[in-house]
Amino acid sequence: MTAVSYALMVAIAVLLLSAALIVLQGGIKSAFRGGGTCVAQPSSAGCVPDPGSGGGGGPPGSTSPSSSTTTTTTTLP
């Protein structure tokens, strides 16, 4: 391949990346804005997961550890 071919490939890649950023600009902006709001006010709606929703705590399908109690009795002769 020649230098012209490489330059053309780079130009196409840059064009595709630029187009993707333009198309996704609104979603990216709202994601960063929402993240900034959660950093500034962590207790605001949507930032702290609801304890009853099962969110967080590990990968999907994992179970949270549960507490258990053990009772031991000793009898003397």
PDB file of N, CA and C in Angstrom:
ATOM      1  N   MET A   1       0.841  -1.182   0.000  1.00  0.00           N
ATOM      2  CA  MET A   1       0.000   0.000   0.000  1.00  0.00           C
ATOM      3  C   MET A   1       0.888   1.247   0.000  1.00  0.00           C
ATOM      4  N   THR A   2       0.348   2.256  -0.571  1.00  0.00           N
ATOM      5  CA  THR A   2       1.111   3.491  -0.670  1.00  0.00           C
ATOM      6  C   THR A   2       0.708   4.452   0.430  1.00  0.00           C
ATOM      7  N   ALA A   3       1.441   5.516   0.520  1.00  0.00           N
ATOM      8  CA  ALA A   3       1.146   6.536   1.534  1.00  0.00           C
ATOM      9  C   ALA A   3      -0.213   7.169   1.277  1.00  0.00           C
ATOM     10  N   VAL A   4      -0.599   7.281   0.031  1.00  0.00           N
ATOM     11  CA  VAL A   4      -1.903   7.864  -0.301  1.00  0.00           C
ATOM     12  C   VAL A   4      -3.025   6.969   0.225  1.00  0.00           C
ATOM     13  N   SER A   5      -2.859   5.673   0.108  1.00  0.00           N
ATOM     14  CA  SER A   5      -3.870   4.732   0.602  1.00  0.00           C
ATOM     15  C   SER A   5      -4.021   4.844   2.123  1.00  0.00           C
ATOM     16  N   TYR A   6      -2.885   4.905   2.821  1.00  0.00           N
ATOM     17  CA  TYR A   6      -2.928   5.053   4.269  1.00  0.00           C
ATOM     18  C   TYR A   6      -3.580   6.376   4.668  1.00  0.00           C
ATOM     19  N   ALA A   7      -3.258   7.446   3.974  1.00  0.00           N
ATOM     20  CA  ALA A   7      -3.841   8.757   4.270  1.00  0.00           C
ATOM     21  C   ALA A   7      -5.351   8.731   4.037  1.00  0.00           C
ATOM     22  N   LEU A   8      -5.789   8.038   2.987  1.00  0.00           N
ATOM     23  CA  LEU A   8      -7.211   7.927   2.708  1.00  0.00           C
ATOM     24  C   LEU A   8      -7.922   7.115   3.798  1.00  0.00           C
ATOM     25  N   MET A   9      -7.296   6.038   4.267  1.00  0.00           N
ATOM     26  CA  MET A   9      -7.884   5.235   5.340  1.00  0.00           C
ATOM     27  C   MET A   9      -8.002   6.050   6.631  1.00  0.00           C
ATOM     28  N   VAL A  10      -6.982   6.808   6.957  1.00  0.00           N
ATOM     29  CA  VAL A  10      -7.013   7.641   8.159  1.00  0.00           C
ATOM     30  C   VAL A  10      -8.099   8.703   8.039  1.00  0.00           C
ATOM     31  N   ALA A  11      -8.231   9.304   6.857  1.00  0.00           N
ATOM     32  CA  ALA A  11      -9.247  10.333   6.650  1.00  0.00           C
ATOM     33  C   ALA A  11     -10.650   9.747   6.815  1.00  0.00           C
ATOM     34  N   ILE A  12     -10.867   8.544   6.311  1.00  0.00           N
ATOM     35  CA  ILE A  12     -12.179   7.901   6.448  1.00  0.00           C
ATOM     36  C   ILE A  12     -12.458   7.589   7.913  1.00  0.00           C
ATOM     37  N   ALA A  13     -11.453   7.098   8.646  1.00  0.00           N
ATOM     38  CA  ALA A  13     -11.634   6.789  10.055  1.00  0.00           C
ATOM     39  C   ALA A  13     -11.970   8.049  10.852  1.00  0.00           C
ATOM     40  N   VAL A  14     -11.283   9.131  10.579  1.00  0.00           N
ATOM     41  CA  VAL A  14     -11.548  10.397  11.271  1.00  0.00           C
ATOM     42  C   VAL A  14     -12.947  10.896  10.935  1.00  0.00           C
ATOM     43  N   LEU A  15     -13.355  10.750   9.689  1.00  0.00           N
ATOM     44  CA  LEU A  15     -14.691  11.167   9.285  1.00  0.00           C
ATOM     45  C   LEU A  15     -15.770  10.356  10.009  1.00  0.00           C
ATOM     46  N   LEU A  16     -15.573   9.045  10.111  1.00  0.00           N
ATOM     47  CA  LEU A  16     -16.536   8.197  10.808  1.00  0.00           C
ATOM     48  C   LEU A  16     -16.599   8.527  12.300  1.00  0.00           C
ATOM     49  N   LEU A  17     -15.448   8.739  12.928  1.00  0.00           N
ATOM     50  CA  LEU A  17     -15.437   9.101  14.349  1.00  0.00           C
ATOM     51  C   LEU A  17     -16.110  10.448  14.588  1.00  0.00           C
ATOM     52  N   SER A  18     -15.859  11.404  13.711  1.00  0.00           N
ATOM     53  CA  SER A  18     -16.487  12.719  13.850  1.00  0.00           C
ATOM     54  C   SER A  18     -17.997  12.616  13.704  1.00  0.00           C
ATOM     55  N   ALA A  19     -18.455  11.839  12.725  1.00  0.00           N
ATOM     56  CA  ALA A  19     -19.895  11.673  12.521  1.00  0.00           C
ATOM     57  C   ALA A  19     -20.533  10.988  13.732  1.00  0.00           C
ATOM     58  N   ALA A  20     -19.861   9.987  14.280  1.00  0.00           N
ATOM     59  CA  ALA A  20     -20.400   9.289  15.448  1.00  0.00           C
ATOM     60  C   ALA A  20     -20.505  10.231  16.647  1.00  0.00           C
ATOM     61  N   LEU A  21     -19.513  11.061  16.858  1.00  0.00           N
ATOM     62  CA  LEU A  21     -19.558  12.004  17.975  1.00  0.00           C
ATOM     63  C   LEU A  21     -20.663  13.033  17.800  1.00  0.00           C
ATOM     64  N   ILE A  22     -20.874  13.470  16.577  1.00  0.00           N
ATOM     65  CA  ILE A  22     -21.944  14.442  16.322  1.00  0.00           C
ATOM     66  C   ILE A  22     -23.302  13.807  16.594  1.00  0.00           C
ATOM     67  N   VAL A  23     -23.479  12.555  16.152  1.00  0.00           N
ATOM     68  CA  VAL A  23     -24.762  11.879  16.350  1.00  0.00           C
ATOM     69  C   VAL A  23     -24.999  11.592  17.830  1.00  0.00           C
ATOM     70  N   LEU A  24     -23.969  11.185  18.551  1.00  0.00           N
ATOM     71  CA  LEU A  24     -24.115  10.795  19.950  1.00  0.00           C
ATOM     72  C   LEU A  24     -23.924  11.945  20.928  1.00  0.00           C
ATOM     73  N   GLN A  25     -23.745  13.149  20.434  1.00  0.00           N
ATOM     74  CA  GLN A  25     -23.422  14.284  21.292  1.00  0.00           C
ATOM     75  C   GLN A  25     -24.465  14.520  22.378  1.00  0.00           C
ATOM     76  N   GLY A  26     -25.741  14.436  22.057  1.00  0.00           N
ATOM     77  CA  GLY A  26     -26.788  14.687  23.053  1.00  0.00           C
ATOM     78  C   GLY A  26     -26.763  13.664  24.177  1.00  0.00           C
ATOM     79  N   GLY A  27     -26.584  12.386  23.840  1.00  0.00           N
ATOM     80  CA  GLY A  27     -26.540  11.343  24.858  1.00  0.00           C
ATOM     81  C   GLY A  27     -25.320  11.459  25.751  1.00  0.00           C
ATOM     82  N   ILE A  28     -24.191  11.785  25.154  1.00  0.00           N
ATOM     83  CA  ILE A  28     -22.959  11.937  25.928  1.00  0.00           C
ATOM     84  C   ILE A  28     -23.090  13.127  26.877  1.00  0.00           C
ATOM     85  N   LYS A  29     -23.649  14.221  26.367  1.00  0.00           N
ATOM     86  CA  LYS A  29     -23.800  15.422  27.190  1.00  0.00           C
ATOM     87  C   LYS A  29     -24.711  15.152  28.382  1.00  0.00           C
ATOM     88  N   SER A  30     -25.828  14.464  28.148  1.00  0.00           N
ATOM     89  CA  SER A  30     -26.755  14.207  29.256  1.00  0.00           C
ATOM     90  C   SER A  30     -26.157  13.230  30.265  1.00  0.00           C
ATOM     91  N   ALA A  31     -25.349  12.279  29.804  1.00  0.00           N
ATOM     92  CA  ALA A  31     -24.716  11.341  30.736  1.00  0.00           C
ATOM     93  C   ALA A  31     -23.734  12.063  31.654  1.00  0.00           C
ATOM     94  N   PHE A  32     -22.921  12.948  31.078  1.00  0.00           N
ATOM     95  CA  PHE A  32     -21.979  13.701  31.906  1.00  0.00           C
ATOM     96  C   PHE A  32     -22.703  14.674  32.826  1.00  0.00           C
ATOM     97  N   ARG A  33     -23.760  15.295  32.329  1.00  0.00           N
ATOM     98  CA  ARG A  33     -24.506  16.243  33.154  1.00  0.00           C
ATOM     99  C   ARG A  33     -25.171  15.512  34.321  1.00  0.00           C
ATOM    100  N   GLY A  34     -25.752  14.344  34.058  1.00  0.00           N
ATOM    101  CA  GLY A  34     -26.377  13.567  35.121  1.00  0.00           C
ATOM    102  C   GLY A  34     -25.355  13.090  36.145  1.00  0.00           C
ATOM    103  N   GLY A  35     -24.184  12.680  35.671  1.00  0.00           N
ATOM    104  CA  GLY A  35     -23.122  12.263  36.591  1.00  0.00           C
ATOM    105  C   GLY A  35     -22.640  13.409  37.450  1.00  0.00           C
ATOM    106  N   GLY A  36     -22.551  14.587  36.872  1.00  0.00           N
ATOM    107  CA  GLY A  36     -22.131  15.762  37.633  1.00  0.00           C
ATOM    108  C   GLY A  36     -23.141  16.125  38.698  1.00  0.00           C
ATOM    109  N   THR A  37     -24.411  15.969  38.387  1.00  0.00           N
ATOM    110  CA  THR A  37     -25.456  16.242  39.374  1.00  0.00           C
ATOM    111  C   THR A  37     -25.355  15.268  40.537  1.00  0.00           C
ATOM    112  N   CYS A  38     -25.068  14.008  40.244  1.00  0.00           N
ATOM    113  CA  CYS A  38     -24.955  13.012  41.319  1.00  0.00           C
ATOM    114  C   CYS A  38     -23.718  13.259  42.177  1.00  0.00           C
ATOM    115  N   VAL A  39     -22.669  13.812  41.598  1.00  0.00           N
ATOM    116  CA  VAL A  39     -21.480  14.132  42.389  1.00  0.00           C
ATOM    117  C   VAL A  39     -21.772  15.325  43.297  1.00  0.00           C
ATOM    118  N   ALA A  40     -22.481  16.319  42.768  1.00  0.00           N
ATOM    119  CA  ALA A  40     -22.782  17.515  43.556  1.00  0.00           C
ATOM    120  C   ALA A  40     -23.816  17.234  44.641  1.00  0.00           C
ATOM    121  N   GLN A  41     -24.839  16.418  44.326  1.00  0.00           N
ATOM    122  CA  GLN A  41     -25.905  16.108  45.280  1.00  0.00           C
ATOM    123  C   GLN A  41     -26.180  14.607  45.229  1.00  0.00           C
ATOM    124  N   PRO A  42     -25.411  13.798  45.947  1.00  0.00           N
ATOM    125  CA  PRO A  42     -25.563  12.339  45.857  1.00  0.00           C
ATOM    126  C   PRO A  42     -26.935  11.819  46.275  1.00  0.00           C
ATOM    127  N   SER A  43     -27.664  12.566  47.084  1.00  0.00           N
ATOM    128  CA  SER A  43     -28.961  12.074  47.547  1.00  0.00           C
ATOM    129  C   SER A  43     -30.094  12.434  46.605  1.00  0.00           C
ATOM    130  N   SER A  44     -29.807  13.098  45.490  1.00  0.00           N
ATOM    131  CA  SER A  44     -30.884  13.489  44.581  1.00  0.00           C
ATOM    132  C   SER A  44     -31.471  12.265  43.887  1.00  0.00           C
ATOM    133  N   ALA A  45     -32.640  12.448  43.311  1.00  0.00           N
ATOM    134  CA  ALA A  45     -33.373  11.333  42.702  1.00  0.00           C
ATOM    135  C   ALA A  45     -32.559  10.687  41.587  1.00  0.00           C
ATOM    136  N   GLY A  46     -32.491   9.370  41.604  1.00  0.00           N
ATOM    137  CA  GLY A  46     -31.812   8.624  40.565  1.00  0.00           C
ATOM    138  C   GLY A  46     -30.344   8.376  40.834  1.00  0.00           C
ATOM    139  N   CYS A  47     -29.784   8.967  41.868  1.00  0.00           N
ATOM    140  CA  CYS A  47     -28.355   8.782  42.146  1.00  0.00           C
ATOM    141  C   CYS A  47     -28.104   7.637  43.114  1.00  0.00           C
ATOM    142  N   VAL A  48     -28.936   7.520  44.134  1.00  0.00           N
ATOM    143  CA  VAL A  48     -28.765   6.477  45.145  1.00  0.00           C
ATOM    144  C   VAL A  48     -29.733   5.352  44.813  1.00  0.00           C
ATOM    145  N   PRO A  49     -29.233   4.117  44.635  1.00  0.00           N
ATOM    146  CA  PRO A  49     -30.149   3.027  44.305  1.00  0.00           C
ATOM    147  C   PRO A  49     -31.105   2.726  45.457  1.00  0.00           C
ATOM    148  N   ASP A  50     -32.323   2.345  45.108  1.00  0.00           N
ATOM    149  CA  ASP A  50     -33.336   1.979  46.094  1.00  0.00           C
ATOM    150  C   ASP A  50     -32.957   0.648  46.722  1.00  0.00           C
ATOM    151  N   PRO A  51     -32.897   0.556  48.059  1.00  0.00           N
ATOM    152  CA  PRO A  51     -32.491  -0.700  48.693  1.00  0.00           C
ATOM    153  C   PRO A  51     -33.385  -1.875  48.319  1.00  0.00           C
ATOM    154  N   GLY A  52     -34.642  -1.638  48.013  1.00  0.00           N
ATOM    155  CA  GLY A  52     -35.545  -2.715  47.669  1.00  0.00           C
ATOM    156  C   GLY A  52     -35.464  -3.151  46.222  1.00  0.00           C
ATOM    157  N   SER A  53     -34.728  -2.394  45.398  1.00  0.00           N
ATOM    158  CA  SER A  53     -34.690  -2.706  43.973  1.00  0.00           C
ATOM    159  C   SER A  53     -33.705  -3.803  43.643  1.00  0.00           C
ATOM    160  N   GLY A  54     -32.827  -4.156  44.553  1.00  0.00           N
ATOM    161  CA  GLY A  54     -31.850  -5.200  44.279  1.00  0.00           C
ATOM    162  C   GLY A  54     -30.673  -4.713  43.462  1.00  0.00           C
ATOM    163  N   GLY A  55     -30.547  -3.433  43.239  1.00  0.00           N
ATOM    164  CA  GLY A  55     -29.447  -2.897  42.451  1.00  0.00           C
ATOM    165  C   GLY A  55     -28.156  -2.873  43.231  1.00  0.00           C
ATOM    166  N   GLY A  56     -27.059  -3.052  42.546  1.00  0.00           N
ATOM    167  CA  GLY A  56     -25.740  -3.000  43.162  1.00  0.00           C
ATOM    168  C   GLY A  56     -25.425  -4.258  43.932  1.00  0.00           C
ATOM    169  N   GLY A  57     -24.265  -4.301  44.550  1.00  0.00           N
ATOM    170  CA  GLY A  57     -23.902  -5.425  45.381  1.00  0.00           C
ATOM    171  C   GLY A  57     -23.163  -6.535  44.670  1.00  0.00           C
ATOM    172  N   GLY A  58     -22.932  -6.402  43.406  1.00  0.00           N
ATOM    173  CA  GLY A  58     -22.181  -7.447  42.724  1.00  0.00           C
ATOM    174  C   GLY A  58     -22.714  -7.708  41.329  1.00  0.00           C
ATOM    175  N   PRO A  59     -22.102  -8.658  40.658  1.00  0.00           N
ATOM    176  CA  PRO A  59     -22.524  -8.951  39.290  1.00  0.00           C
ATOM    177  C   PRO A  59     -23.903  -9.597  39.270  1.00  0.00           C
ATOM    178  N   PRO A  60     -24.575  -9.546  38.117  1.00  0.00           N
ATOM    179  CA  PRO A  60     -25.901 -10.154  38.028  1.00  0.00           C
ATOM    180  C   PRO A  60     -25.850 -11.644  38.383  1.00  0.00           C
ATOM    181  N   GLY A  61     -26.830 -12.094  39.114  1.00  0.00           N
ATOM    182  CA  GLY A  61     -26.892 -13.500  39.479  1.00  0.00           C
ATOM    183  C   GLY A  61     -26.195 -13.819  40.787  1.00  0.00           C
ATOM    184  N   SER A  62     -25.474 -12.865  41.343  1.00  0.00           N
ATOM    185  CA  SER A  62     -24.791 -13.134  42.604  1.00  0.00           C
ATOM    186  C   SER A  62     -25.772 -12.923  43.750  1.00  0.00           C
ATOM    187  N   THR A  63     -25.508 -13.552  44.845  1.00  0.00           N
ATOM    188  CA  THR A  63     -26.366 -13.387  46.013  1.00  0.00           C
ATOM    189  C   THR A  63     -25.599 -12.643  47.087  1.00  0.00           C
ATOM    190  N   SER A  64     -26.317 -11.899  47.860  1.00  0.00           N
ATOM    191  CA  SER A  64     -25.699 -11.172  48.964  1.00  0.00           C
ATOM    192  C   SER A  64     -25.525 -12.119  50.144  1.00  0.00           C
ATOM    193  N   PRO A  65     -24.449 -11.965  50.900  1.00  0.00           N
ATOM    194  CA  PRO A  65     -24.273 -12.836  52.064  1.00  0.00           C
ATOM    195  C   PRO A  65     -25.345 -12.544  53.106  1.00  0.00           C
ATOM    196  N   SER A  66     -25.809 -13.579  53.753  1.00  0.00           N
ATOM    197  CA  SER A  66     -26.813 -13.399  54.793  1.00  0.00           C
ATOM    198  C   SER A  66     -26.192 -13.735  56.136  1.00  0.00           C
ATOM    199  N   SER A  67     -26.739 -13.151  57.182  1.00  0.00           N
ATOM    200  CA  SER A  67     -26.205 -13.405  58.515  1.00  0.00           C
ATOM    201  C   SER A  67     -26.878 -14.638  59.106  1.00  0.00           C
ATOM    202  N   SER A  68     -26.165 -15.335  59.944  1.00  0.00           N
ATOM    203  CA  SER A  68     -26.729 -16.501  60.615  1.00  0.00           C
ATOM    204  C   SER A  68     -26.234 -16.513  62.056  1.00  0.00           C
ATOM    205  N   THR A  69     -26.983 -17.156  62.902  1.00  0.00           N
ATOM    206  CA  THR A  69     -26.589 -17.260  64.303  1.00  0.00           C
ATOM    207  C   THR A  69     -26.406 -18.727  64.663  1.00  0.00           C
ATOM    208  N   THR A  70     -25.469 -18.973  65.521  1.00  0.00           N
ATOM    209  CA  THR A  70     -25.191 -20.330  65.993  1.00  0.00           C
ATOM    210  C   THR A  70     -25.268 -20.330  67.509  1.00  0.00           C
ATOM    211  N   THR A  71     -25.965 -21.306  68.054  1.00  0.00           N
ATOM    212  CA  THR A  71     -26.081 -21.422  69.500  1.00  0.00           C
ATOM    213  C   THR A  71     -25.367 -22.697  69.941  1.00  0.00           C
ATOM    214  N   THR A  72     -24.501 -22.564  70.918  1.00  0.00           N
ATOM    215  CA  THR A  72     -23.764 -23.714  71.446  1.00  0.00           C
ATOM    216  C   THR A  72     -24.112 -23.863  72.923  1.00  0.00           C
ATOM    217  N   THR A  73     -24.455 -25.081  73.318  1.00  0.00           N
ATOM    218  CA  THR A  73     -24.740 -25.350  74.719  1.00  0.00           C
ATOM    219  C   THR A  73     -23.757 -26.388  75.233  1.00  0.00           C
ATOM    220  N   THR A  74     -23.306 -26.158  76.420  1.00  0.00           N
ATOM    221  CA  THR A  74     -22.345 -27.076  77.043  1.00  0.00           C
ATOM    222  C   THR A  74     -22.981 -27.607  78.315  1.00  0.00           C
ATOM    223  N   THR A  75     -23.000 -28.932  78.457  1.00  0.00           N
ATOM    224  CA  THR A  75     -23.528 -29.529  79.688  1.00  0.00           C
ATOM    225  C   THR A  75     -22.382 -30.127  80.474  1.00  0.00           C
ATOM    226  N   LEU A  76     -22.363 -29.852  81.753  1.00  0.00           N
ATOM    227  CA  LEU A  76     -21.305 -30.356  82.618  1.00  0.00           C
ATOM    228  C   LEU A  76     -21.816 -31.599  83.360  1.00  0.00           C
ATOM    229  N   PRO A  77     -20.947 -32.614  83.593  1.00  0.00           N
ATOM    230  CA  PRO A  77     -21.391 -33.820  84.312  1.00  0.00           C
ATOM    231  C   PRO A  77     -21.608 -33.569  85.796  1.00  0.00           C
TER     232      PRO A  77
END
